[in-house]
Amino acid sequence: MDFDSSDNSTAKYSGKIKGQTFKQFQLERLIKDGTVIPASKLAEAREQELQRVRDFEAASIDEKRHRSTATVAPSDKLKSLPLTRERFEG
C-alpha cells in the first residue's frame, strides 16, 4: 500500500500527541481525586506544621517572660485621677 501525499492535502501538523502510560494516567487521576498527595505537598505541609510549632513555642516563652516582668497596675489608679475630657482641636 503506497502512501500518496496528494490524498492528505488538507492535513495539517498540529503538534505532538501526548503519550501517557496507564500508570501515569492512574496516578494523575488519584491526585485529582485527592486520594494521593504528592510528596512535595507533604513536605510543604510538614514544614508549615513545624513552623507553627516553633511559633507557638516562641509565643509561650514570650508570654512567660512578659508575665514575670510586667507590673500590675495599682487598684486605685482610676479612682485617684480626676476624669476630665479635653476639647478636641481638629
PDB file of N, CA and C in Angstrom:
ATOM      1  N   MET A   1       0.843  -1.180   0.000  1.00  0.00           N
ATOM      2  CA  MET A   1       0.000   0.000   0.000  1.00  0.00           C
ATOM      3  C   MET A   1       0.894   1.252   0.000  1.00  0.00           C
ATOM      4  N   ASP A   2       0.828   1.969  -1.030  1.00  0.00           N
ATOM      5  CA  ASP A   2       1.654   3.160  -1.175  1.00  0.00           C
ATOM      6  C   ASP A   2       0.941   4.368  -0.561  1.00  0.00           C
ATOM      7  N   PHE A   3       1.745   5.223   0.028  1.00  0.00           N
ATOM      8  CA  PHE A   3       1.197   6.450   0.614  1.00  0.00           C
ATOM      9  C   PHE A   3       1.333   7.563  -0.409  1.00  0.00           C
ATOM     10  N   ASP A   4       0.224   8.177  -0.711  1.00  0.00           N
ATOM     11  CA  ASP A   4       0.229   9.252  -1.696  1.00  0.00           C
ATOM     12  C   ASP A   4      -0.036  10.557  -0.963  1.00  0.00           C
ATOM     13  N   SER A   5       0.904  11.480  -0.989  1.00  0.00           N
ATOM     14  CA  SER A   5       0.750  12.731  -0.260  1.00  0.00           C
ATOM     15  C   SER A   5      -0.369  13.600  -0.821  1.00  0.00           C
ATOM     16  N   SER A   6      -0.774  13.370  -2.041  1.00  0.00           N
ATOM     17  CA  SER A   6      -1.846  14.174  -2.612  1.00  0.00           C
ATOM     18  C   SER A   6      -3.194  13.848  -1.975  1.00  0.00           C
ATOM     19  N   ASP A   7      -3.318  12.636  -1.353  1.00  0.00           N
ATOM     20  CA  ASP A   7      -4.565  12.272  -0.681  1.00  0.00           C
ATOM     21  C   ASP A   7      -4.784  13.083   0.595  1.00  0.00           C
ATOM     22  N   ASN A   8      -3.707  13.520   1.219  1.00  0.00           N
ATOM     23  CA  ASN A   8      -3.774  14.232   2.502  1.00  0.00           C
ATOM     24  C   ASN A   8      -3.439  15.701   2.333  1.00  0.00           C
ATOM     25  N   SER A   9      -3.896  16.296   1.323  1.00  0.00           N
ATOM     26  CA  SER A   9      -3.538  17.688   1.049  1.00  0.00           C
ATOM     27  C   SER A   9      -4.122  18.645   2.080  1.00  0.00           C
ATOM     28  N   THR A  10      -5.215  18.275   2.773  1.00  0.00           N
ATOM     29  CA  THR A  10      -5.817  19.158   3.770  1.00  0.00           C
ATOM     30  C   THR A  10      -5.319  18.878   5.183  1.00  0.00           C
ATOM     31  N   ALA A  11      -4.503  17.842   5.362  1.00  0.00           N
ATOM     32  CA  ALA A  11      -3.990  17.508   6.702  1.00  0.00           C
ATOM     33  C   ALA A  11      -2.939  18.526   7.114  1.00  0.00           C
ATOM     34  N   LYS A  12      -2.995  18.953   8.368  1.00  0.00           N
ATOM     35  CA  LYS A  12      -2.039  19.929   8.885  1.00  0.00           C
ATOM     36  C   LYS A  12      -1.383  19.384  10.143  1.00  0.00           C
ATOM     37  N   TYR A  13      -0.182  19.796  10.393  1.00  0.00           N
ATOM     38  CA  TYR A  13       0.559  19.394  11.586  1.00  0.00           C
ATOM     39  C   TYR A  13      -0.002  20.158  12.773  1.00  0.00           C
ATOM     40  N   SER A  14      -0.370  19.437  13.827  1.00  0.00           N
ATOM     41  CA  SER A  14      -0.964  20.114  14.975  1.00  0.00           C
ATOM     42  C   SER A  14      -0.167  19.910  16.256  1.00  0.00           C
ATOM     43  N   GLY A  15       1.046  19.474  16.157  1.00  0.00           N
ATOM     44  CA  GLY A  15       1.870  19.315  17.339  1.00  0.00           C
ATOM     45  C   GLY A  15       2.012  17.862  17.726  1.00  0.00           C
ATOM     46  N   LYS A  16       2.736  17.630  18.805  1.00  0.00           N
ATOM     47  CA  LYS A  16       2.976  16.264  19.262  1.00  0.00           C
ATOM     48  C   LYS A  16       1.747  15.726  19.989  1.00  0.00           C
ATOM     49  N   ILE A  17       1.578  14.440  19.904  1.00  0.00           N
ATOM     50  CA  ILE A  17       0.498  13.778  20.636  1.00  0.00           C
ATOM     51  C   ILE A  17       1.033  13.439  22.014  1.00  0.00           C
ATOM     52  N   LYS A  18       0.244  13.736  23.023  1.00  0.00           N
ATOM     53  CA  LYS A  18       0.670  13.491  24.393  1.00  0.00           C
ATOM     54  C   LYS A  18       0.548  11.996  24.680  1.00  0.00           C
ATOM     55  N   GLY A  19       1.663  11.363  24.902  1.00  0.00           N
ATOM     56  CA  GLY A  19       1.662   9.946  25.237  1.00  0.00           C
ATOM     57  C   GLY A  19       1.747   9.778  26.737  1.00  0.00           C
ATOM     58  N   GLN A  20       0.948   8.901  27.280  1.00  0.00           N
ATOM     59  CA  GLN A  20       0.907   8.727  28.722  1.00  0.00           C
ATOM     60  C   GLN A  20       0.666   7.254  29.025  1.00  0.00           C
ATOM     61  N   THR A  21       1.439   6.702  29.925  1.00  0.00           N
ATOM     62  CA  THR A  21       1.232   5.310  30.290  1.00  0.00           C
ATOM     63  C   THR A  21       0.021   5.201  31.209  1.00  0.00           C
ATOM     64  N   PHE A  22      -0.456   3.985  31.371  1.00  0.00           N
ATOM     65  CA  PHE A  22      -1.622   3.782  32.238  1.00  0.00           C
ATOM     66  C   PHE A  22      -1.296   4.162  33.676  1.00  0.00           C
ATOM     67  N   LYS A  23      -0.075   3.864  34.092  1.00  0.00           N
ATOM     68  CA  LYS A  23       0.335   4.183  35.469  1.00  0.00           C
ATOM     69  C   LYS A  23       0.320   5.700  35.697  1.00  0.00           C
ATOM     70  N   GLN A  24       0.818   6.458  34.731  1.00  0.00           N
ATOM     71  CA  GLN A  24       0.806   7.915  34.852  1.00  0.00           C
ATOM     72  C   GLN A  24      -0.622   8.441  34.878  1.00  0.00           C
ATOM     73  N   PHE A  25      -1.464   7.878  34.020  1.00  0.00           N
ATOM     74  CA  PHE A  25      -2.860   8.299  33.977  1.00  0.00           C
ATOM     75  C   PHE A  25      -3.559   8.014  35.300  1.00  0.00           C
ATOM     76  N   GLN A  26      -3.309   6.818  35.847  1.00  0.00           N
ATOM     77  CA  GLN A  26      -3.934   6.426  37.111  1.00  0.00           C
ATOM     78  C   GLN A  26      -3.455   7.321  38.253  1.00  0.00           C
ATOM     79  N   LEU A  27      -2.169   7.610  38.307  1.00  0.00           N
ATOM     80  CA  LEU A  27      -1.625   8.472  39.356  1.00  0.00           C
ATOM     81  C   LEU A  27      -2.195   9.880  39.245  1.00  0.00           C
ATOM     82  N   GLU A  28      -2.301  10.398  38.020  1.00  0.00           N
ATOM     83  CA  GLU A  28      -2.872  11.734  37.810  1.00  0.00           C
ATOM     84  C   GLU A  28      -4.326  11.784  38.283  1.00  0.00           C
ATOM     85  N   ARG A  29      -5.076  10.717  38.002  1.00  0.00           N
ATOM     86  CA  ARG A  29      -6.478  10.654  38.418  1.00  0.00           C
ATOM     87  C   ARG A  29      -6.593  10.596  39.944  1.00  0.00           C
ATOM     88  N   LEU A  30      -5.715   9.821  40.604  1.00  0.00           N
ATOM     89  CA  LEU A  30      -5.741   9.725  42.066  1.00  0.00           C
ATOM     90  C   LEU A  30      -5.393  11.054  42.720  1.00  0.00           C
ATOM     91  N   ILE A  31      -4.460  11.799  42.122  1.00  0.00           N
ATOM     92  CA  ILE A  31      -4.097  13.117  42.655  1.00  0.00           C
ATOM     93  C   ILE A  31      -5.273  14.072  42.520  1.00  0.00           C
ATOM     94  N   LYS A  32      -5.958  14.041  41.365  1.00  0.00           N
ATOM     95  CA  LYS A  32      -7.120  14.918  41.166  1.00  0.00           C
ATOM     96  C   LYS A  32      -8.239  14.585  42.145  1.00  0.00           C
ATOM     97  N   ASP A  33      -8.441  13.290  42.419  1.00  0.00           N
ATOM     98  CA  ASP A  33      -9.497  12.869  43.345  1.00  0.00           C
ATOM     99  C   ASP A  33      -9.148  13.180  44.794  1.00  0.00           C
ATOM    100  N   GLY A  34      -7.872  13.421  45.075  1.00  0.00           N
ATOM    101  CA  GLY A  34      -7.461  13.713  46.437  1.00  0.00           C
ATOM    102  C   GLY A  34      -7.123  12.473  47.224  1.00  0.00           C
ATOM    103  N   THR A  35      -7.083  11.321  46.564  1.00  0.00           N
ATOM    104  CA  THR A  35      -6.747  10.075  47.251  1.00  0.00           C
ATOM    105  C   THR A  35      -5.259  10.017  47.568  1.00  0.00           C
ATOM    106  N   VAL A  36      -4.444  10.540  46.678  1.00  0.00           N
ATOM    107  CA  VAL A  36      -2.995  10.520  46.827  1.00  0.00           C
ATOM    108  C   VAL A  36      -2.497  11.955  46.884  1.00  0.00           C
ATOM    109  N   ILE A  37      -1.552  12.209  47.792  1.00  0.00           N
ATOM    110  CA  ILE A  37      -0.957  13.541  47.910  1.00  0.00           C
ATOM    111  C   ILE A  37       0.493  13.443  47.440  1.00  0.00           C
ATOM    112  N   PRO A  38       0.927  14.312  46.538  1.00  0.00           N
ATOM    113  CA  PRO A  38       2.316  14.272  46.078  1.00  0.00           C
ATOM    114  C   PRO A  38       3.290  14.532  47.229  1.00  0.00           C
ATOM    115  N   ALA A  39       4.468  13.965  47.125  1.00  0.00           N
ATOM    116  CA  ALA A  39       5.476  14.096  48.179  1.00  0.00           C
ATOM    117  C   ALA A  39       5.867  15.553  48.403  1.00  0.00           C
ATOM    118  N   SER A  40       5.865  16.364  47.356  1.00  0.00           N
ATOM    119  CA  SER A  40       6.242  17.770  47.512  1.00  0.00           C
ATOM    120  C   SER A  40       5.231  18.503  48.399  1.00  0.00           C
ATOM    121  N   LYS A  41       3.948  18.174  48.234  1.00  0.00           N
ATOM    122  CA  LYS A  41       2.935  18.810  49.073  1.00  0.00           C
ATOM    123  C   LYS A  41       3.000  18.307  50.507  1.00  0.00           C
ATOM    124  N   LEU A  42       3.343  17.031  50.685  1.00  0.00           N
ATOM    125  CA  LEU A  42       3.515  16.501  52.038  1.00  0.00           C
ATOM    126  C   LEU A  42       4.669  17.200  52.749  1.00  0.00           C
ATOM    127  N   ALA A  43       5.763  17.405  52.038  1.00  0.00           N
ATOM    128  CA  ALA A  43       6.916  18.088  52.626  1.00  0.00           C
ATOM    129  C   ALA A  43       6.560  19.529  52.970  1.00  0.00           C
ATOM    130  N   GLU A  44       5.806  20.178  52.100  1.00  0.00           N
ATOM    131  CA  GLU A  44       5.392  21.565  52.352  1.00  0.00           C
ATOM    132  C   GLU A  44       4.471  21.641  53.572  1.00  0.00           C
ATOM    133  N   ALA A  45       3.524  20.702  53.673  1.00  0.00           N
ATOM    134  CA  ALA A  45       2.608  20.690  54.819  1.00  0.00           C
ATOM    135  C   ALA A  45       3.365  20.408  56.115  1.00  0.00           C
ATOM    136  N   ARG A  46       4.339  19.522  56.060  1.00  0.00           N
ATOM    137  CA  ARG A  46       5.135  19.211  57.254  1.00  0.00           C
ATOM    138  C   ARG A  46       5.942  20.428  57.686  1.00  0.00           C
ATOM    139  N   GLU A  47       6.524  21.132  56.737  1.00  0.00           N
ATOM    140  CA  GLU A  47       7.303  22.335  57.057  1.00  0.00           C
ATOM    141  C   GLU A  47       6.419  23.404  57.690  1.00  0.00           C
ATOM    142  N   GLN A  48       5.199  23.561  57.178  1.00  0.00           N
ATOM    143  CA  GLN A  48       4.269  24.527  57.766  1.00  0.00           C
ATOM    144  C   GLN A  48       3.897  24.133  59.189  1.00  0.00           C
ATOM    145  N   GLU A  49       3.694  22.842  59.416  1.00  0.00           N
ATOM    146  CA  GLU A  49       3.356  22.371  60.761  1.00  0.00           C
ATOM    147  C   GLU A  49       4.514  22.606  61.725  1.00  0.00           C
ATOM    148  N   LEU A  50       5.734  22.336  61.289  1.00  0.00           N
ATOM    149  CA  LEU A  50       6.904  22.587  62.132  1.00  0.00           C
ATOM    150  C   LEU A  50       7.061  24.072  62.428  1.00  0.00           C
ATOM    151  N   GLN A  51       6.801  24.916  61.438  1.00  0.00           N
ATOM    152  CA  GLN A  51       6.885  26.368  61.654  1.00  0.00           C
ATOM    153  C   GLN A  51       5.827  26.816  62.652  1.00  0.00           C
ATOM    154  N   ARG A  52       4.625  26.238  62.569  1.00  0.00           N
ATOM    155  CA  ARG A  52       3.553  26.564  63.503  1.00  0.00           C
ATOM    156  C   ARG A  52       3.944  26.181  64.929  1.00  0.00           C
ATOM    157  N   VAL A  53       4.587  25.016  65.087  1.00  0.00           N
ATOM    158  CA  VAL A  53       5.029  24.574  66.414  1.00  0.00           C
ATOM    159  C   VAL A  53       6.102  25.512  66.946  1.00  0.00           C
ATOM    160  N   ARG A  54       7.062  25.891  66.087  1.00  0.00           N
ATOM    161  CA  ARG A  54       8.125  26.816  66.526  1.00  0.00           C
ATOM    162  C   ARG A  54       7.539  28.170  66.934  1.00  0.00           C
ATOM    163  N   ASP A  55       6.574  28.673  66.171  1.00  0.00           N
ATOM    164  CA  ASP A  55       5.937  29.952  66.506  1.00  0.00           C
ATOM    165  C   ASP A  55       5.187  29.859  67.831  1.00  0.00           C
ATOM    166  N   PHE A  56       4.508  28.739  68.062  1.00  0.00           N
ATOM    167  CA  PHE A  56       3.761  28.572  69.309  1.00  0.00           C
ATOM    168  C   PHE A  56       4.701  28.520  70.501  1.00  0.00           C
ATOM    169  N   GLU A  57       5.808  27.788  70.370  1.00  0.00           N
ATOM    170  CA  GLU A  57       6.776  27.719  71.468  1.00  0.00           C
ATOM    171  C   GLU A  57       7.386  29.088  71.756  1.00  0.00           C
ATOM    172  N   ALA A  58       7.696  29.846  70.704  1.00  0.00           N
ATOM    173  CA  ALA A  58       8.255  31.190  70.900  1.00  0.00           C
ATOM    174  C   ALA A  58       7.234  32.100  71.575  1.00  0.00           C
ATOM    175  N   ALA A  59       5.963  31.972  71.197  1.00  0.00           N
ATOM    176  CA  ALA A  59       4.924  32.803  71.815  1.00  0.00           C
ATOM    177  C   ALA A  59       4.748  32.448  73.282  1.00  0.00           C
ATOM    178  N   SER A  60       4.834  31.169  73.620  1.00  0.00           N
ATOM    179  CA  SER A  60       4.672  30.785  75.025  1.00  0.00           C
ATOM    180  C   SER A  60       5.843  31.281  75.864  1.00  0.00           C
ATOM    181  N   ILE A  61       7.039  31.256  75.298  1.00  0.00           N
ATOM    182  CA  ILE A  61       8.210  31.784  76.025  1.00  0.00           C
ATOM    183  C   ILE A  61       8.063  33.287  76.228  1.00  0.00           C
ATOM    184  N   ASP A  62       7.626  33.999  75.197  1.00  0.00           N
ATOM    185  CA  ASP A  62       7.412  35.446  75.316  1.00  0.00           C
ATOM    186  C   ASP A  62       6.348  35.762  76.355  1.00  0.00           C
ATOM    187  N   GLU A  63       5.286  34.967  76.395  1.00  0.00           N
ATOM    188  CA  GLU A  63       4.221  35.207  77.369  1.00  0.00           C
ATOM    189  C   GLU A  63       4.716  34.981  78.786  1.00  0.00           C
ATOM    190  N   LYS A  64       5.514  33.941  79.000  1.00  0.00           N
ATOM    191  CA  LYS A  64       6.078  33.693  80.332  1.00  0.00           C
ATOM    192  C   LYS A  64       6.980  34.845  80.753  1.00  0.00           C
ATOM    193  N   ARG A  65       7.808  35.312  79.815  1.00  0.00           N
ATOM    194  CA  ARG A  65       8.711  36.424  80.114  1.00  0.00           C
ATOM    195  C   ARG A  65       7.916  37.691  80.441  1.00  0.00           C
ATOM    196  N   HIS A  66       6.852  37.938  79.702  1.00  0.00           N
ATOM    197  CA  HIS A  66       6.034  39.121  79.936  1.00  0.00           C
ATOM    198  C   HIS A  66       5.347  39.049  81.293  1.00  0.00           C
ATOM    199  N   ARG A  67       4.840  37.872  81.635  1.00  0.00           N
ATOM    200  CA  ARG A  67       4.158  37.726  82.924  1.00  0.00           C
ATOM    201  C   ARG A  67       5.116  37.916  84.094  1.00  0.00           C
ATOM    202  N   SER A  68       6.371  37.524  83.926  1.00  0.00           N
ATOM    203  CA  SER A  68       7.317  37.662  85.036  1.00  0.00           C
ATOM    204  C   SER A  68       7.834  39.091  85.170  1.00  0.00           C
ATOM    205  N   THR A  69       7.880  39.863  84.079  1.00  0.00           N
ATOM    206  CA  THR A  69       8.437  41.211  84.144  1.00  0.00           C
ATOM    207  C   THR A  69       7.377  42.303  84.199  1.00  0.00           C
ATOM    208  N   ALA A  70       6.152  41.992  83.824  1.00  0.00           N
ATOM    209  CA  ALA A  70       5.110  43.027  83.795  1.00  0.00           C
ATOM    210  C   ALA A  70       4.683  43.370  85.222  1.00  0.00           C
ATOM    211  N   THR A  71       4.439  44.649  85.443  1.00  0.00           N
ATOM    212  CA  THR A  71       3.969  45.090  86.756  1.00  0.00           C
ATOM    213  C   THR A  71       2.460  45.276  86.708  1.00  0.00           C
ATOM    214  N   VAL A  72       1.828  44.972  87.790  1.00  0.00           N
ATOM    215  CA  VAL A  72       0.382  45.096  87.874  1.00  0.00           C
ATOM    216  C   VAL A  72       0.021  46.545  88.167  1.00  0.00           C
ATOM    217  N   ALA A  73      -0.995  47.041  87.502  1.00  0.00           N
ATOM    218  CA  ALA A  73      -1.435  48.415  87.723  1.00  0.00           C
ATOM    219  C   ALA A  73      -2.053  48.527  89.117  1.00  0.00           C
ATOM    220  N   PRO A  74      -1.848  49.668  89.773  1.00  0.00           N
ATOM    221  CA  PRO A  74      -2.447  49.838  91.103  1.00  0.00           C
ATOM    222  C   PRO A  74      -3.970  49.821  91.004  1.00  0.00           C
ATOM    223  N   SER A  75      -4.601  49.289  92.046  1.00  0.00           N
ATOM    224  CA  SER A  75      -6.058  49.153  92.016  1.00  0.00           C
ATOM    225  C   SER A  75      -6.765  50.506  92.085  1.00  0.00           C
ATOM    226  N   ASP A  76      -6.142  51.527  92.702  1.00  0.00           N
ATOM    227  CA  ASP A  76      -6.788  52.834  92.826  1.00  0.00           C
ATOM    228  C   ASP A  76      -6.337  53.813  91.735  1.00  0.00           C
ATOM    229  N   LYS A  77      -5.816  53.311  90.639  1.00  0.00           N
ATOM    230  CA  LYS A  77      -5.308  54.176  89.579  1.00  0.00           C
ATOM    231  C   LYS A  77      -6.410  55.072  89.011  1.00  0.00           C
ATOM    232  N   LEU A  78      -7.549  54.503  88.697  1.00  0.00           N
ATOM    233  CA  LEU A  78      -8.628  55.307  88.139  1.00  0.00           C
ATOM    234  C   LEU A  78      -9.347  56.137  89.188  1.00  0.00           C
ATOM    235  N   LYS A  79      -9.308  55.723  90.419  1.00  0.00           N
ATOM    236  CA  LYS A  79     -10.003  56.459  91.481  1.00  0.00           C
ATOM    237  C   LYS A  79      -9.253  57.723  91.872  1.00  0.00           C
ATOM    238  N   SER A  80      -7.922  57.690  91.792  1.00  0.00           N
ATOM    239  CA  SER A  80      -7.143  58.837  92.244  1.00  0.00           C
ATOM    240  C   SER A  80      -7.048  59.934  91.183  1.00  0.00           C
ATOM    241  N   LEU A  81      -7.245  59.629  89.927  1.00  0.00           N
ATOM    242  CA  LEU A  81      -7.145  60.639  88.885  1.00  0.00           C
ATOM    243  C   LEU A  81      -8.516  61.236  88.583  1.00  0.00           C
ATOM    244  N   PRO A  82      -8.577  62.551  88.419  1.00  0.00           N
ATOM    245  CA  PRO A  82      -9.850  63.142  88.007  1.00  0.00           C
ATOM    246  C   PRO A  82     -10.099  62.847  86.526  1.00  0.00           C
ATOM    247  N   LEU A  83     -11.272  62.398  86.241  1.00  0.00           N
ATOM    248  CA  LEU A  83     -11.609  62.084  84.854  1.00  0.00           C
ATOM    249  C   LEU A  83     -12.167  63.344  84.192  1.00  0.00           C
ATOM    250  N   THR A  84     -11.374  63.931  83.330  1.00  0.00           N
ATOM    251  CA  THR A  84     -11.817  65.125  82.603  1.00  0.00           C
ATOM    252  C   THR A  84     -11.584  64.897  81.126  1.00  0.00           C
ATOM    253  N   ARG A  85     -12.370  65.555  80.336  1.00  0.00           N
ATOM    254  CA  ARG A  85     -12.216  65.466  78.895  1.00  0.00           C
ATOM    255  C   ARG A  85     -11.645  66.767  78.375  1.00  0.00           C
ATOM    256  N   GLU A  86     -10.727  66.633  77.454  1.00  0.00           N
ATOM    257  CA  GLU A  86     -10.155  67.823  76.852  1.00  0.00           C
ATOM    258  C   GLU A  86     -10.818  68.074  75.516  1.00  0.00           C
ATOM    259  N   ARG A  87     -10.921  69.342  75.173  1.00  0.00           N
ATOM    260  CA  ARG A  87     -11.554  69.710  73.927  1.00  0.00           C
ATOM    261  C   ARG A  87     -10.687  69.254  72.750  1.00  0.00           C
ATOM    262  N   PHE A  88     -11.316  68.672  71.739  1.00  0.00           N
ATOM    263  CA  PHE A  88     -10.601  68.195  70.573  1.00  0.00           C
ATOM    264  C   PHE A  88     -10.339  69.354  69.639  1.00  0.00           C
ATOM    265  N   GLU A  89      -9.085  69.556  69.327  1.00  0.00           N
ATOM    266  CA  GLU A  89      -8.691  70.627  68.411  1.00  0.00           C
ATOM    267  C   GLU A  89      -8.403  69.962  67.065  1.00  0.00           C
ATOM    268  N   GLY A  90      -9.335  69.980  66.153  1.00  0.00           N
ATOM    269  CA  GLY A  90      -9.091  69.295  64.890  1.00  0.00           C
ATOM    270  C   GLY A  90      -9.238  70.178  63.784  1.00  0.00           C
TER     271      GLY A  90
END
